[in-house]
Amino acid sequence: MLQGIAVKMLAAGAEHTAAVTEDGSLYGWGWGRYGNLGLGDRNDRLVPEKVSMVNGEKMVMVACRWRHTISVSSSGRLYTYGWSKYCQLGHGDFEDHLVPHKLEALSDKFIREVIS
């Protein structure tokens, strides 16, 4: 749960929600059938659960869509996870990603310019 934790950003999809806290942690909850919570499984969560960070990165932004999630780290890296039936995650495959995966197709410099 997020009691006593300062939330910096909140995003809501059709069936799930994600939050970035002031310390750069990422949380997910709601319907998780496609891995869109980033928690490594397809289970639903009734309360917020912390997403394991990739390489200890801190997140600064998050966006939720229908069945997938996108987050941006403080170093400008973009991570996507969840449903990928139409390749919307950008990883060049049709596989659901159950944990955040770095999007290699965009350079770190480009992302930093966008979030600045």
PDB file of N, CA and C in Angstrom:
ATOM      1  N   MET A   1       0.825  -1.177   0.000  1.00  0.00           N
ATOM      2  CA  MET A   1       0.000   0.000   0.000  1.00  0.00           C
ATOM      3  C   MET A   1       0.873   1.245   0.000  1.00  0.00           C
ATOM      4  N   LEU A   2       0.292   2.362  -0.336  1.00  0.00           N
ATOM      5  CA  LEU A   2       1.040   3.605  -0.471  1.00  0.00           C
ATOM      6  C   LEU A   2       0.859   4.549   0.720  1.00  0.00           C
ATOM      7  N   GLN A   3       0.386   4.059   1.829  1.00  0.00           N
ATOM      8  CA  GLN A   3       0.181   4.902   2.994  1.00  0.00           C
ATOM      9  C   GLN A   3       1.502   5.497   3.456  1.00  0.00           C
ATOM     10  N   GLY A   4       1.565   6.810   3.542  1.00  0.00           N
ATOM     11  CA  GLY A   4       2.764   7.498   3.984  1.00  0.00           C
ATOM     12  C   GLY A   4       3.830   7.663   2.913  1.00  0.00           C
ATOM     13  N   ILE A   5       3.543   7.246   1.677  1.00  0.00           N
ATOM     14  CA  ILE A   5       4.503   7.358   0.574  1.00  0.00           C
ATOM     15  C   ILE A   5       4.039   8.473  -0.360  1.00  0.00           C
ATOM     16  N   ALA A   6       4.933   9.428  -0.654  1.00  0.00           N
ATOM     17  CA  ALA A   6       4.586  10.561  -1.517  1.00  0.00           C
ATOM     18  C   ALA A   6       4.555  10.116  -2.980  1.00  0.00           C
ATOM     19  N   VAL A   7       3.422  10.314  -3.620  1.00  0.00           N
ATOM     20  CA  VAL A   7       3.248   9.952  -5.024  1.00  0.00           C
ATOM     21  C   VAL A   7       3.540  11.165  -5.897  1.00  0.00           C
ATOM     22  N   LYS A   8       4.393  10.969  -6.884  1.00  0.00           N
ATOM     23  CA  LYS A   8       4.786  12.030  -7.812  1.00  0.00           C
ATOM     24  C   LYS A   8       3.893  12.058  -9.049  1.00  0.00           C
ATOM     25  N   MET A   9       3.499  10.872  -9.526  1.00  0.00           N
ATOM     26  CA  MET A   9       2.711  10.772 -10.753  1.00  0.00           C
ATOM     27  C   MET A   9       1.835   9.537 -10.687  1.00  0.00           C
ATOM     28  N   LEU A  10       0.636   9.654 -11.225  1.00  0.00           N
ATOM     29  CA  LEU A  10      -0.316   8.561 -11.264  1.00  0.00           C
ATOM     30  C   LEU A  10      -0.850   8.433 -12.682  1.00  0.00           C
ATOM     31  N   ALA A  11      -1.005   7.198 -13.156  1.00  0.00           N
ATOM     32  CA  ALA A  11      -1.556   6.958 -14.490  1.00  0.00           C
ATOM     33  C   ALA A  11      -2.571   5.833 -14.405  1.00  0.00           C
ATOM     34  N   ALA A  12      -3.659   5.956 -15.144  1.00  0.00           N
ATOM     35  CA  ALA A  12      -4.701   4.942 -15.127  1.00  0.00           C
ATOM     36  C   ALA A  12      -4.988   4.463 -16.542  1.00  0.00           C
ATOM     37  N   GLY A  13      -4.990   3.147 -16.708  1.00  0.00           N
ATOM     38  CA  GLY A  13      -5.402   2.527 -17.957  1.00  0.00           C
ATOM     39  C   GLY A  13      -6.851   2.110 -17.825  1.00  0.00           C
ATOM     40  N   ALA A  14      -7.335   1.334 -18.764  1.00  0.00           N
ATOM     41  CA  ALA A  14      -8.720   0.874 -18.704  1.00  0.00           C
ATOM     42  C   ALA A  14      -8.937  -0.088 -17.540  1.00  0.00           C
ATOM     43  N   GLU A  15      -7.894  -0.870 -17.200  1.00  0.00           N
ATOM     44  CA  GLU A  15      -8.071  -1.920 -16.218  1.00  0.00           C
ATOM     45  C   GLU A  15      -6.960  -2.000 -15.181  1.00  0.00           C
ATOM     46  N   HIS A  16      -6.026  -1.071 -15.209  1.00  0.00           N
ATOM     47  CA  HIS A  16      -4.942  -1.072 -14.227  1.00  0.00           C
ATOM     48  C   HIS A  16      -4.453   0.343 -13.980  1.00  0.00           C
ATOM     49  N   THR A  17      -3.685   0.493 -12.892  1.00  0.00           N
ATOM     50  CA  THR A  17      -3.173   1.800 -12.493  1.00  0.00           C
ATOM     51  C   THR A  17      -1.701   1.648 -12.119  1.00  0.00           C
ATOM     52  N   ALA A  18      -0.930   2.709 -12.340  1.00  0.00           N
ATOM     53  CA  ALA A  18       0.489   2.726 -11.964  1.00  0.00           C
ATOM     54  C   ALA A  18       0.800   4.070 -11.319  1.00  0.00           C
ATOM     55  N   ALA A  19       1.769   4.054 -10.421  1.00  0.00           N
ATOM     56  CA  ALA A  19       2.189   5.278  -9.740  1.00  0.00           C
ATOM     57  C   ALA A  19       3.702   5.317  -9.643  1.00  0.00           C
ATOM     58  N   VAL A  20       4.243   6.522  -9.759  1.00  0.00           N
ATOM     59  CA  VAL A  20       5.663   6.781  -9.504  1.00  0.00           C
ATOM     60  C   VAL A  20       5.724   7.593  -8.222  1.00  0.00           C
ATOM     61  N   THR A  21       6.571   7.164  -7.291  1.00  0.00           N
ATOM     62  CA  THR A  21       6.695   7.875  -6.021  1.00  0.00           C
ATOM     63  C   THR A  21       7.847   8.884  -6.090  1.00  0.00           C
ATOM     64  N   GLU A  22       7.929   9.735  -5.091  1.00  0.00           N
ATOM     65  CA  GLU A  22       8.971  10.760  -5.044  1.00  0.00           C
ATOM     66  C   GLU A  22      10.372  10.164  -5.060  1.00  0.00           C
ATOM     67  N   ASP A  23      10.533   8.950  -4.528  1.00  0.00           N
ATOM     68  CA  ASP A  23      11.864   8.326  -4.511  1.00  0.00           C
ATOM     69  C   ASP A  23      12.167   7.544  -5.792  1.00  0.00           C
ATOM     70  N   GLY A  24      11.269   7.612  -6.791  1.00  0.00           N
ATOM     71  CA  GLY A  24      11.499   6.952  -8.076  1.00  0.00           C
ATOM     72  C   GLY A  24      11.022   5.523  -8.161  1.00  0.00           C
ATOM     73  N   SER A  25      10.319   5.064  -7.134  1.00  0.00           N
ATOM     74  CA  SER A  25       9.762   3.707  -7.174  1.00  0.00           C
ATOM     75  C   SER A  25       8.523   3.682  -8.058  1.00  0.00           C
ATOM     76  N   LEU A  26       8.252   2.519  -8.606  1.00  0.00           N
ATOM     77  CA  LEU A  26       7.104   2.316  -9.487  1.00  0.00           C
ATOM     78  C   LEU A  26       6.197   1.268  -8.862  1.00  0.00           C
ATOM     79  N   TYR A  27       4.894   1.543  -8.826  1.00  0.00           N
ATOM     80  CA  TYR A  27       3.910   0.626  -8.263  1.00  0.00           C
ATOM     81  C   TYR A  27       2.848   0.321  -9.303  1.00  0.00           C
ATOM     82  N   GLY A  28       2.283  -0.882  -9.248  1.00  0.00           N
ATOM     83  CA  GLY A  28       1.191  -1.251 -10.137  1.00  0.00           C
ATOM     84  C   GLY A  28       0.111  -1.987  -9.384  1.00  0.00           C
ATOM     85  N   TRP A  29      -1.152  -1.829  -9.865  1.00  0.00           N
ATOM     86  CA  TRP A  29      -2.267  -2.573  -9.286  1.00  0.00           C
ATOM     87  C   TRP A  29      -3.425  -2.593 -10.268  1.00  0.00           C
ATOM     88  N   GLY A  30      -4.334  -3.532 -10.041  1.00  0.00           N
ATOM     89  CA  GLY A  30      -5.480  -3.718 -10.929  1.00  0.00           C
ATOM     90  C   GLY A  30      -5.418  -5.056 -11.641  1.00  0.00           C
ATOM     91  N   TRP A  31      -5.929  -5.088 -12.863  1.00  0.00           N
ATOM     92  CA  TRP A  31      -5.977  -6.308 -13.667  1.00  0.00           C
ATOM     93  C   TRP A  31      -4.623  -6.532 -14.305  1.00  0.00           C
ATOM     94  N   GLY A  32      -4.023  -7.698 -14.090  1.00  0.00           N
ATOM     95  CA  GLY A  32      -2.667  -7.936 -14.564  1.00  0.00           C
ATOM     96  C   GLY A  32      -2.507  -9.076 -15.549  1.00  0.00           C
ATOM     97  N   ARG A  33      -3.562  -9.469 -16.199  1.00  0.00           N
ATOM     98  CA  ARG A  33      -3.549 -10.663 -17.054  1.00  0.00           C
ATOM     99  C   ARG A  33      -2.441 -10.688 -18.102  1.00  0.00           C
ATOM    100  N   TYR A  34      -2.055  -9.550 -18.624  1.00  0.00           N
ATOM    101  CA  TYR A  34      -1.065  -9.502 -19.693  1.00  0.00           C
ATOM    102  C   TYR A  34       0.317  -9.046 -19.219  1.00  0.00           C
ATOM    103  N   GLY A  35       0.508  -8.961 -17.918  1.00  0.00           N
ATOM    104  CA  GLY A  35       1.781  -8.499 -17.390  1.00  0.00           C
ATOM    105  C   GLY A  35       1.873  -6.988 -17.303  1.00  0.00           C
ATOM    106  N   ASN A  36       0.767  -6.314 -17.543  1.00  0.00           N
ATOM    107  CA  ASN A  36       0.750  -4.854 -17.582  1.00  0.00           C
ATOM    108  C   ASN A  36       1.023  -4.196 -16.236  1.00  0.00           C
ATOM    109  N   LEU A  37       1.114  -4.971 -15.150  1.00  0.00           N
ATOM    110  CA  LEU A  37       1.480  -4.406 -13.857  1.00  0.00           C
ATOM    111  C   LEU A  37       2.998  -4.407 -13.657  1.00  0.00           C
ATOM    112  N   GLY A  38       3.718  -5.173 -14.489  1.00  0.00           N
ATOM    113  CA  GLY A  38       5.171  -5.225 -14.400  1.00  0.00           C
ATOM    114  C   GLY A  38       5.705  -6.022 -13.231  1.00  0.00           C
ATOM    115  N   LEU A  39       4.869  -6.887 -12.658  1.00  0.00           N
ATOM    116  CA  LEU A  39       5.226  -7.605 -11.438  1.00  0.00           C
ATOM    117  C   LEU A  39       5.713  -9.027 -11.680  1.00  0.00           C
ATOM    118  N   GLY A  40       5.917  -9.400 -12.953  1.00  0.00           N
ATOM    119  CA  GLY A  40       6.496 -10.697 -13.259  1.00  0.00           C
ATOM    120  C   GLY A  40       5.516 -11.838 -13.398  1.00  0.00           C
ATOM    121  N   ASP A  41       4.229 -11.535 -13.303  1.00  0.00           N
ATOM    122  CA  ASP A  41       3.216 -12.578 -13.441  1.00  0.00           C
ATOM    123  C   ASP A  41       1.965 -11.991 -14.084  1.00  0.00           C
ATOM    124  N   ARG A  42       0.929 -12.782 -14.157  1.00  0.00           N
ATOM    125  CA  ARG A  42      -0.326 -12.353 -14.775  1.00  0.00           C
ATOM    126  C   ARG A  42      -1.450 -12.208 -13.748  1.00  0.00           C
ATOM    127  N   ASN A  43      -1.081 -12.049 -12.495  1.00  0.00           N
ATOM    128  CA  ASN A  43      -2.063 -11.968 -11.415  1.00  0.00           C
ATOM    129  C   ASN A  43      -2.593 -10.549 -11.246  1.00  0.00           C
ATOM    130  N   ASP A  44      -3.837 -10.462 -10.784  1.00  0.00           N
ATOM    131  CA  ASP A  44      -4.431  -9.182 -10.436  1.00  0.00           C
ATOM    132  C   ASP A  44      -3.926  -8.767  -9.054  1.00  0.00           C
ATOM    133  N   ARG A  45      -3.896  -7.467  -8.811  1.00  0.00           N
ATOM    134  CA  ARG A  45      -3.507  -6.945  -7.500  1.00  0.00           C
ATOM    135  C   ARG A  45      -4.597  -5.992  -7.025  1.00  0.00           C
ATOM    136  N   LEU A  46      -5.058  -6.208  -5.804  1.00  0.00           N
ATOM    137  CA  LEU A  46      -6.104  -5.365  -5.233  1.00  0.00           C
ATOM    138  C   LEU A  46      -5.537  -4.113  -4.581  1.00  0.00           C
ATOM    139  N   VAL A  47      -4.255  -4.146  -4.257  1.00  0.00           N
ATOM    140  CA  VAL A  47      -3.579  -2.996  -3.655  1.00  0.00           C
ATOM    141  C   VAL A  47      -2.263  -2.763  -4.396  1.00  0.00           C
ATOM    142  N   PRO A  48      -1.721  -1.561  -4.344  1.00  0.00           N
ATOM    143  CA  PRO A  48      -0.452  -1.269  -5.035  1.00  0.00           C
ATOM    144  C   PRO A  48       0.677  -2.189  -4.578  1.00  0.00           C
ATOM    145  N   GLU A  49       1.459  -2.651  -5.555  1.00  0.00           N
ATOM    146  CA  GLU A  49       2.634  -3.474  -5.267  1.00  0.00           C
ATOM    147  C   GLU A  49       3.821  -2.900  -6.020  1.00  0.00           C
ATOM    148  N   LYS A  50       4.968  -2.859  -5.364  1.00  0.00           N
ATOM    149  CA  LYS A  50       6.171  -2.264  -5.945  1.00  0.00           C
ATOM    150  C   LYS A  50       6.729  -3.126  -7.066  1.00  0.00           C
ATOM    151  N   VAL A  51       7.021  -2.481  -8.191  1.00  0.00           N
ATOM    152  CA  VAL A  51       7.628  -3.127  -9.346  1.00  0.00           C
ATOM    153  C   VAL A  51       9.138  -3.150  -9.115  1.00  0.00           C
ATOM    154  N   SER A  52       9.767  -4.294  -9.359  1.00  0.00           N
ATOM    155  CA  SER A  52      11.222  -4.370  -9.240  1.00  0.00           C
ATOM    156  C   SER A  52      11.846  -3.482 -10.307  1.00  0.00           C
ATOM    157  N   MET A  53      12.768  -2.659  -9.902  1.00  0.00           N
ATOM    158  CA  MET A  53      13.419  -1.757 -10.851  1.00  0.00           C
ATOM    159  C   MET A  53      14.419  -2.491 -11.717  1.00  0.00           C
ATOM    160  N   VAL A  54      14.546  -2.055 -12.929  1.00  0.00           N
ATOM    161  CA  VAL A  54      15.535  -2.597 -13.841  1.00  0.00           C
ATOM    162  C   VAL A  54      16.854  -1.900 -13.557  1.00  0.00           C
ATOM    163  N   ASN A  55      17.865  -2.654 -13.168  1.00  0.00           N
ATOM    164  CA  ASN A  55      19.189  -2.107 -12.855  1.00  0.00           C
ATOM    165  C   ASN A  55      19.132  -0.995 -11.812  1.00  0.00           C
ATOM    166  N   GLY A  56      18.160  -1.030 -10.943  1.00  0.00           N
ATOM    167  CA  GLY A  56      18.056  -0.044  -9.877  1.00  0.00           C
ATOM    168  C   GLY A  56      17.680   1.351 -10.334  1.00  0.00           C
ATOM    169  N   GLU A  57      17.146   1.470 -11.543  1.00  0.00           N
ATOM    170  CA  GLU A  57      16.801   2.797 -12.078  1.00  0.00           C
ATOM    171  C   GLU A  57      15.610   3.408 -11.341  1.00  0.00           C
ATOM    172  N   LYS A  58      15.622   4.716 -11.257  1.00  0.00           N
ATOM    173  CA  LYS A  58      14.502   5.444 -10.670  1.00  0.00           C
ATOM    174  C   LYS A  58      13.609   5.947 -11.804  1.00  0.00           C
ATOM    175  N   MET A  59      12.313   5.818 -11.631  1.00  0.00           N
ATOM    176  CA  MET A  59      11.363   6.256 -12.647  1.00  0.00           C
ATOM    177  C   MET A  59      10.901   7.683 -12.369  1.00  0.00           C
ATOM    178  N   VAL A  60      10.606   8.402 -13.435  1.00  0.00           N
ATOM    179  CA  VAL A  60      10.122   9.774 -13.295  1.00  0.00           C
ATOM    180  C   VAL A  60       8.748   9.963 -13.939  1.00  0.00           C
ATOM    181  N   MET A  61       8.395   9.088 -14.877  1.00  0.00           N
ATOM    182  CA  MET A  61       7.106   9.200 -15.562  1.00  0.00           C
ATOM    183  C   MET A  61       6.548   7.807 -15.818  1.00  0.00           C
ATOM    184  N   VAL A  62       5.215   7.724 -15.908  1.00  0.00           N
ATOM    185  CA  VAL A  62       4.555   6.473 -16.256  1.00  0.00           C
ATOM    186  C   VAL A  62       3.273   6.795 -17.022  1.00  0.00           C
ATOM    187  N   ALA A  63       2.929   5.919 -17.957  1.00  0.00           N
ATOM    188  CA  ALA A  63       1.681   6.037 -18.712  1.00  0.00           C
ATOM    189  C   ALA A  63       1.073   4.655 -18.850  1.00  0.00           C
ATOM    190  N   CYS A  64      -0.228   4.569 -18.690  1.00  0.00           N
ATOM    191  CA  CYS A  64      -0.942   3.304 -18.852  1.00  0.00           C
ATOM    192  C   CYS A  64      -1.868   3.418 -20.048  1.00  0.00           C
ATOM    193  N   ARG A  65      -1.925   2.367 -20.809  1.00  0.00           N
ATOM    194  CA  ARG A  65      -2.874   2.273 -21.908  1.00  0.00           C
ATOM    195  C   ARG A  65      -3.809   1.116 -21.590  1.00  0.00           C
ATOM    196  N   TRP A  66      -4.427   0.553 -22.608  1.00  0.00           N
ATOM    197  CA  TRP A  66      -5.432  -0.465 -22.363  1.00  0.00           C
ATOM    198  C   TRP A  66      -4.864  -1.664 -21.618  1.00  0.00           C
ATOM    199  N   ARG A  67      -3.815  -2.291 -22.153  1.00  0.00           N
ATOM    200  CA  ARG A  67      -3.242  -3.474 -21.521  1.00  0.00           C
ATOM    201  C   ARG A  67      -1.720  -3.435 -21.481  1.00  0.00           C
ATOM    202  N   HIS A  68      -1.150  -2.261 -21.523  1.00  0.00           N
ATOM    203  CA  HIS A  68       0.293  -2.142 -21.420  1.00  0.00           C
ATOM    204  C   HIS A  68       0.667  -0.853 -20.693  1.00  0.00           C
ATOM    205  N   THR A  69       1.923  -0.799 -20.256  1.00  0.00           N
ATOM    206  CA  THR A  69       2.415   0.329 -19.464  1.00  0.00           C
ATOM    207  C   THR A  69       3.774   0.754 -19.991  1.00  0.00           C
ATOM    208  N   ILE A  70       4.048   2.054 -19.901  1.00  0.00           N
ATOM    209  CA  ILE A  70       5.315   2.625 -20.343  1.00  0.00           C
ATOM    210  C   ILE A  70       5.840   3.486 -19.197  1.00  0.00           C
ATOM    211  N   SER A  71       7.120   3.345 -18.882  1.00  0.00           N
ATOM    212  CA  SER A  71       7.705   4.212 -17.865  1.00  0.00           C
ATOM    213  C   SER A  71       9.032   4.765 -18.369  1.00  0.00           C
ATOM    214  N   VAL A  72       9.403   5.936 -17.840  1.00  0.00           N
ATOM    215  CA  VAL A  72      10.638   6.605 -18.222  1.00  0.00           C
ATOM    216  C   VAL A  72      11.489   6.774 -16.973  1.00  0.00           C
ATOM    217  N   SER A  73      12.762   6.397 -17.078  1.00  0.00           N
ATOM    218  CA  SER A  73      13.668   6.499 -15.938  1.00  0.00           C
ATOM    219  C   SER A  73      14.308   7.891 -15.887  1.00  0.00           C
ATOM    220  N   SER A  74      14.924   8.198 -14.745  1.00  0.00           N
ATOM    221  CA  SER A  74      15.589   9.491 -14.579  1.00  0.00           C
ATOM    222  C   SER A  74      16.771   9.650 -15.523  1.00  0.00           C
ATOM    223  N   SER A  75      17.313   8.543 -16.012  1.00  0.00           N
ATOM    224  CA  SER A  75      18.426   8.603 -16.970  1.00  0.00           C
ATOM    225  C   SER A  75      17.927   8.694 -18.414  1.00  0.00           C
ATOM    226  N   GLY A  76      16.601   8.745 -18.609  1.00  0.00           N
ATOM    227  CA  GLY A  76      16.040   8.901 -19.940  1.00  0.00           C
ATOM    228  C   GLY A  76      15.742   7.604 -20.657  1.00  0.00           C
ATOM    229  N   ARG A  77      15.854   6.484 -19.988  1.00  0.00           N
ATOM    230  CA  ARG A  77      15.551   5.204 -20.617  1.00  0.00           C
ATOM    231  C   ARG A  77      14.050   4.940 -20.577  1.00  0.00           C
ATOM    232  N   LEU A  78      13.539   4.347 -21.639  1.00  0.00           N
ATOM    233  CA  LEU A  78      12.124   4.033 -21.767  1.00  0.00           C
ATOM    234  C   LEU A  78      11.929   2.541 -21.554  1.00  0.00           C
ATOM    235  N   TYR A  79      10.965   2.176 -20.719  1.00  0.00           N
ATOM    236  CA  TYR A  79      10.635   0.778 -20.430  1.00  0.00           C
ATOM    237  C   TYR A  79       9.172   0.527 -20.752  1.00  0.00           C
ATOM    238  N   THR A  80       8.887  -0.607 -21.402  1.00  0.00           N
ATOM    239  CA  THR A  80       7.515  -0.975 -21.712  1.00  0.00           C
ATOM    240  C   THR A  80       7.267  -2.401 -21.248  1.00  0.00           C
ATOM    241  N   TYR A  81       6.001  -2.687 -20.944  1.00  0.00           N
ATOM    242  CA  TYR A  81       5.629  -4.026 -20.500  1.00  0.00           C
ATOM    243  C   TYR A  81       4.124  -4.209 -20.597  1.00  0.00           C
ATOM    244  N   GLY A  82       3.723  -5.481 -20.696  1.00  0.00           N
ATOM    245  CA  GLY A  82       2.314  -5.832 -20.823  1.00  0.00           C
ATOM    246  C   GLY A  82       2.012  -6.523 -22.138  1.00  0.00           C
ATOM    247  N   TRP A  83       0.853  -6.249 -22.664  1.00  0.00           N
ATOM    248  CA  TRP A  83       0.319  -6.887 -23.869  1.00  0.00           C
ATOM    249  C   TRP A  83       1.034  -6.386 -25.107  1.00  0.00           C
ATOM    250  N   SER A  84       1.394  -7.309 -25.998  1.00  0.00           N
ATOM    251  CA  SER A  84       2.113  -6.911 -27.213  1.00  0.00           C
ATOM    252  C   SER A  84       1.557  -7.581 -28.463  1.00  0.00           C
ATOM    253  N   LYS A  85       0.252  -7.817 -28.477  1.00  0.00           N
ATOM    254  CA  LYS A  85      -0.364  -8.490 -29.619  1.00  0.00           C
ATOM    255  C   LYS A  85      -0.106  -7.757 -30.933  1.00  0.00           C
ATOM    256  N   TYR A  86      -0.024  -6.445 -30.886  1.00  0.00           N
ATOM    257  CA  TYR A  86       0.183  -5.634 -32.088  1.00  0.00           C
ATOM    258  C   TYR A  86       1.540  -4.943 -32.089  1.00  0.00           C
ATOM    259  N   CYS A  87       2.492  -5.482 -31.345  1.00  0.00           N
ATOM    260  CA  CYS A  87       3.858  -4.935 -31.227  1.00  0.00           C
ATOM    261  C   CYS A  87       3.889  -3.537 -30.605  1.00  0.00           C
ATOM    262  N   GLN A  88       2.878  -3.175 -29.861  1.00  0.00           N
ATOM    263  CA  GLN A  88       2.814  -1.827 -29.297  1.00  0.00           C
ATOM    264  C   GLN A  88       3.882  -1.565 -28.236  1.00  0.00           C
ATOM    265  N   LEU A  89       4.562  -2.606 -27.754  1.00  0.00           N
ATOM    266  CA  LEU A  89       5.627  -2.394 -26.775  1.00  0.00           C
ATOM    267  C   LEU A  89       6.920  -1.922 -27.431  1.00  0.00           C
ATOM    268  N   GLY A  90       7.057  -2.167 -28.736  1.00  0.00           N
ATOM    269  CA  GLY A  90       8.233  -1.698 -29.458  1.00  0.00           C
ATOM    270  C   GLY A  90       9.458  -2.591 -29.357  1.00  0.00           C
ATOM    271  N   HIS A  91       9.281  -3.835 -28.937  1.00  0.00           N
ATOM    272  CA  HIS A  91      10.416  -4.743 -28.788  1.00  0.00           C
ATOM    273  C   HIS A  91      10.610  -5.657 -29.991  1.00  0.00           C
ATOM    274  N   GLY A  92       9.814  -5.482 -31.030  1.00  0.00           N
ATOM    275  CA  GLY A  92       9.970  -6.284 -32.238  1.00  0.00           C
ATOM    276  C   GLY A  92       9.428  -7.692 -32.116  1.00  0.00           C
ATOM    277  N   ASP A  93       8.525  -7.910 -31.159  1.00  0.00           N
ATOM    278  CA  ASP A  93       7.913  -9.230 -31.025  1.00  0.00           C
ATOM    279  C   ASP A  93       6.442  -9.085 -30.638  1.00  0.00           C
ATOM    280  N   PHE A  94       5.763 -10.204 -30.622  1.00  0.00           N
ATOM    281  CA  PHE A  94       4.351 -10.236 -30.251  1.00  0.00           C
ATOM    282  C   PHE A  94       4.151 -10.847 -28.867  1.00  0.00           C
ATOM    283  N   GLU A  95       5.231 -10.930 -28.092  1.00  0.00           N
ATOM    284  CA  GLU A  95       5.191 -11.568 -26.782  1.00  0.00           C
ATOM    285  C   GLU A  95       4.816 -10.569 -25.689  1.00  0.00           C
ATOM    286  N   ASP A  96       3.963 -11.000 -24.765  1.00  0.00           N
ATOM    287  CA  ASP A  96       3.691 -10.183 -23.586  1.00  0.00           C
ATOM    288  C   ASP A  96       4.966 -10.115 -22.750  1.00  0.00           C
ATOM    289  N   HIS A  97       5.242  -8.960 -22.199  1.00  0.00           N
ATOM    290  CA  HIS A  97       6.397  -8.787 -21.317  1.00  0.00           C
ATOM    291  C   HIS A  97       5.852  -8.551 -19.913  1.00  0.00           C
ATOM    292  N   LEU A  98       6.215  -9.431 -18.985  1.00  0.00           N
ATOM    293  CA  LEU A  98       5.653  -9.399 -17.642  1.00  0.00           C
ATOM    294  C   LEU A  98       6.403  -8.483 -16.689  1.00  0.00           C
ATOM    295  N   VAL A  99       7.574  -8.029 -17.095  1.00  0.00           N
ATOM    296  CA  VAL A  99       8.357  -7.070 -16.308  1.00  0.00           C
ATOM    297  C   VAL A  99       8.832  -5.973 -17.256  1.00  0.00           C
ATOM    298  N   PRO A 100       9.197  -4.811 -16.732  1.00  0.00           N
ATOM    299  CA  PRO A 100       9.675  -3.728 -17.595  1.00  0.00           C
ATOM    300  C   PRO A 100      10.895  -4.137 -18.412  1.00  0.00           C
ATOM    301  N   HIS A 101      10.846  -3.843 -19.711  1.00  0.00           N
ATOM    302  CA  HIS A 101      11.969  -4.098 -20.616  1.00  0.00           C
ATOM    303  C   HIS A 101      12.374  -2.781 -21.274  1.00  0.00           C
ATOM    304  N   LYS A 102      13.676  -2.529 -21.288  1.00  0.00           N
ATOM    305  CA  LYS A 102      14.194  -1.312 -21.914  1.00  0.00           C
ATOM    306  C   LYS A 102      13.894  -1.336 -23.404  1.00  0.00           C
ATOM    307  N   LEU A 103      13.403  -0.215 -23.898  1.00  0.00           N
ATOM    308  CA  LEU A 103      13.121  -0.078 -25.325  1.00  0.00           C
ATOM    309  C   LEU A 103      14.404   0.368 -26.015  1.00  0.00           C
ATOM    310  N   GLU A 104      14.982  -0.533 -26.787  1.00  0.00           N
ATOM    311  CA  GLU A 104      16.266  -0.275 -27.447  1.00  0.00           C
ATOM    312  C   GLU A 104      16.128   0.589 -28.700  1.00  0.00           C
ATOM    313  N   ALA A 105      14.927   0.648 -29.267  1.00  0.00           N
ATOM    314  CA  ALA A 105      14.738   1.317 -30.553  1.00  0.00           C
ATOM    315  C   ALA A 105      14.934   2.834 -30.493  1.00  0.00           C
ATOM    316  N   LEU A 106      14.764   3.429 -29.317  1.00  0.00           N
ATOM    317  CA  LEU A 106      14.935   4.881 -29.182  1.00  0.00           C
ATOM    318  C   LEU A 106      16.200   5.156 -28.377  1.00  0.00           C
ATOM    319  N   SER A 107      16.932   6.157 -28.783  1.00  0.00           N
ATOM    320  CA  SER A 107      18.167   6.477 -28.062  1.00  0.00           C
ATOM    321  C   SER A 107      17.849   7.155 -26.737  1.00  0.00           C
ATOM    322  N   ASP A 108      18.729   6.992 -25.766  1.00  0.00           N
ATOM    323  CA  ASP A 108      18.566   7.657 -24.479  1.00  0.00           C
ATOM    324  C   ASP A 108      18.536   9.171 -24.641  1.00  0.00           C
ATOM    325  N   LYS A 109      19.321   9.700 -25.562  1.00  0.00           N
ATOM    326  CA  LYS A 109      19.363  11.144 -25.780  1.00  0.00           C
ATOM    327  C   LYS A 109      18.004  11.661 -26.205  1.00  0.00           C
ATOM    328  N   PHE A 110      17.336  10.958 -27.104  1.00  0.00           N
ATOM    329  CA  PHE A 110      16.020  11.383 -27.573  1.00  0.00           C
ATOM    330  C   PHE A 110      15.028  11.472 -26.415  1.00  0.00           C
ATOM    331  N   ILE A 111      14.983  10.456 -25.579  1.00  0.00           N
ATOM    332  CA  ILE A 111      14.048  10.435 -24.460  1.00  0.00           C
ATOM    333  C   ILE A 111      14.355  11.561 -23.489  1.00  0.00           C
ATOM    334  N   ARG A 112      15.617  11.805 -23.158  1.00  0.00           N
ATOM    335  CA  ARG A 112      15.964  12.897 -22.251  1.00  0.00           C
ATOM    336  C   ARG A 112      15.501  14.230 -22.790  1.00  0.00           C
ATOM    337  N   GLU A 113      15.604  14.425 -24.101  1.00  0.00           N
ATOM    338  CA  GLU A 113      15.147  15.681 -24.696  1.00  0.00           C
ATOM    339  C   GLU A 113      13.638  15.827 -24.577  1.00  0.00           C
ATOM    340  N   VAL A 114      12.903  14.748 -24.718  1.00  0.00           N
ATOM    341  CA  VAL A 114      11.462  14.790 -24.647  1.00  0.00           C
ATOM    342  C   VAL A 114      10.982  15.121 -23.238  1.00  0.00           C
ATOM    343  N   ILE A 115      11.630  14.550 -22.201  1.00  0.00           N
ATOM    344  CA  ILE A 115      11.155  14.766 -20.835  1.00  0.00           C
ATOM    345  C   ILE A 115      11.723  16.039 -20.208  1.00  0.00           C
ATOM    346  N   SER A 116      12.689  16.672 -20.843  1.00  0.00           N
ATOM    347  CA  SER A 116      13.279  17.891 -20.285  1.00  0.00           C
ATOM    348  C   SER A 116      12.364  19.081 -20.416  1.00  0.00           C
TER     349      SER A 116
END
